[in-house]
Amino acid sequence: MKPSFLLGIAVGYVLGARAGRERYEDIVAMARRVAGSQTVQSTAGVLQAQVHDLTQQARHSFGHAGVSANGYGR
């Protein structure tokens, strides 16, 4: 599941618990629409790619610094 979707569910749950079941269902439906929107999906994809690139750069940097996968050096 996407983090934005989970966040929407959490916010919907908290607000819905205060406003009653009908309002809760409205909030959850709205959160699902937002999480499923093309803009949110595109942004999530871009962020995932950036995190992947940063992770690869960090692994590459640590590899050249003489640190092995277990963190103790070569």
Protein backbone atom coordinates (compact mmCIF):
# COMPACT_ATOMS: atom_id res chain seq x y z
CA MET A 1 0.00 0.00 0.00
CA LYS A 2 1.09 3.54 -0.63
CA PRO A 3 2.02 5.67 2.39
CA SER A 4 -0.34 8.44 1.26
CA PHE A 5 -3.22 5.97 1.20
CA LEU A 6 -2.39 4.74 4.70
CA LEU A 7 -2.17 8.31 5.93
CA GLY A 8 -5.56 9.04 4.41
CA ILE A 9 -7.05 6.02 6.13
CA ALA A 10 -5.56 7.06 9.49
CA VAL A 11 -6.82 10.63 9.19
CA GLY A 12 -10.21 9.36 8.06
CA TYR A 13 -10.43 7.01 10.99
CA VAL A 14 -9.61 9.65 13.59
CA LEU A 15 -11.92 12.26 12.14
CA GLY A 16 -14.63 9.72 11.41
CA ALA A 17 -14.59 8.37 14.93
CA ARG A 18 -15.50 11.84 16.14
CA ALA A 19 -18.09 12.60 13.46
CA GLY A 20 -19.93 9.29 13.27
CA ARG A 21 -19.96 6.38 10.86
CA GLU A 22 -21.52 8.20 7.89
CA ARG A 23 -18.99 11.00 8.01
CA TYR A 24 -16.22 8.45 8.46
CA GLU A 25 -17.26 6.70 5.25
CA ASP A 26 -17.31 10.04 3.42
CA ILE A 27 -13.80 10.88 4.63
CA VAL A 28 -12.41 7.46 3.72
CA ALA A 29 -13.94 7.68 0.24
CA MET A 30 -12.43 11.13 -0.24
CA ALA A 31 -9.02 9.91 0.99
CA ARG A 32 -9.15 7.02 -1.47
CA ARG A 33 -9.98 9.38 -4.33
CA VAL A 34 -7.09 11.66 -3.39
CA ALA A 35 -4.65 8.76 -2.96
CA GLY A 36 -5.73 7.34 -6.31
CA SER A 37 -5.47 10.63 -8.20
CA GLN A 38 -2.98 10.84 -11.03
CA THR A 39 -1.17 13.76 -9.40
CA VAL A 40 -0.62 11.88 -6.14
CA GLN A 41 0.42 8.72 -7.97
CA SER A 42 2.87 10.65 -10.16
CA THR A 43 4.36 12.44 -7.17
CA ALA A 44 4.72 9.16 -5.29
CA GLY A 45 6.49 7.63 -8.29
CA VAL A 46 8.92 10.52 -8.53
CA LEU A 47 9.65 10.35 -4.80
CA GLN A 48 10.20 6.60 -4.96
CA ALA A 49 12.68 7.05 -7.81
CA GLN A 50 14.54 9.77 -5.89
CA VAL A 51 14.76 7.59 -2.77
CA HIS A 52 16.04 4.72 -4.90
CA ASP A 53 18.70 6.95 -6.48
CA LEU A 54 19.81 8.31 -3.09
CA THR A 55 19.99 4.77 -1.71
CA GLN A 56 22.17 3.67 -4.62
CA GLN A 57 24.42 6.70 -4.19
CA ALA A 58 24.81 5.98 -0.47
CA ARG A 59 25.66 2.34 -1.15
CA HIS A 60 28.18 3.40 -3.75
CA SER A 61 29.74 5.94 -1.37
CA PHE A 62 29.99 3.45 1.47
CA GLY A 63 31.48 0.89 -0.87
CA HIS A 64 34.30 3.29 -1.72
CA ALA A 65 34.81 4.27 1.92
CA GLY A 66 35.96 0.77 2.85
CA VAL A 67 32.78 -0.20 4.68
CA SER A 68 31.35 -3.59 3.90
CA ALA A 69 27.71 -4.59 4.01
CA ASN A 70 28.01 -5.58 7.68
CA GLY A 71 29.41 -2.16 8.55
CA TYR A 72 32.81 -3.34 9.85
CA GLY A 73 35.17 -2.60 7.02
CA ARG A 74 36.61 -4.93 4.43
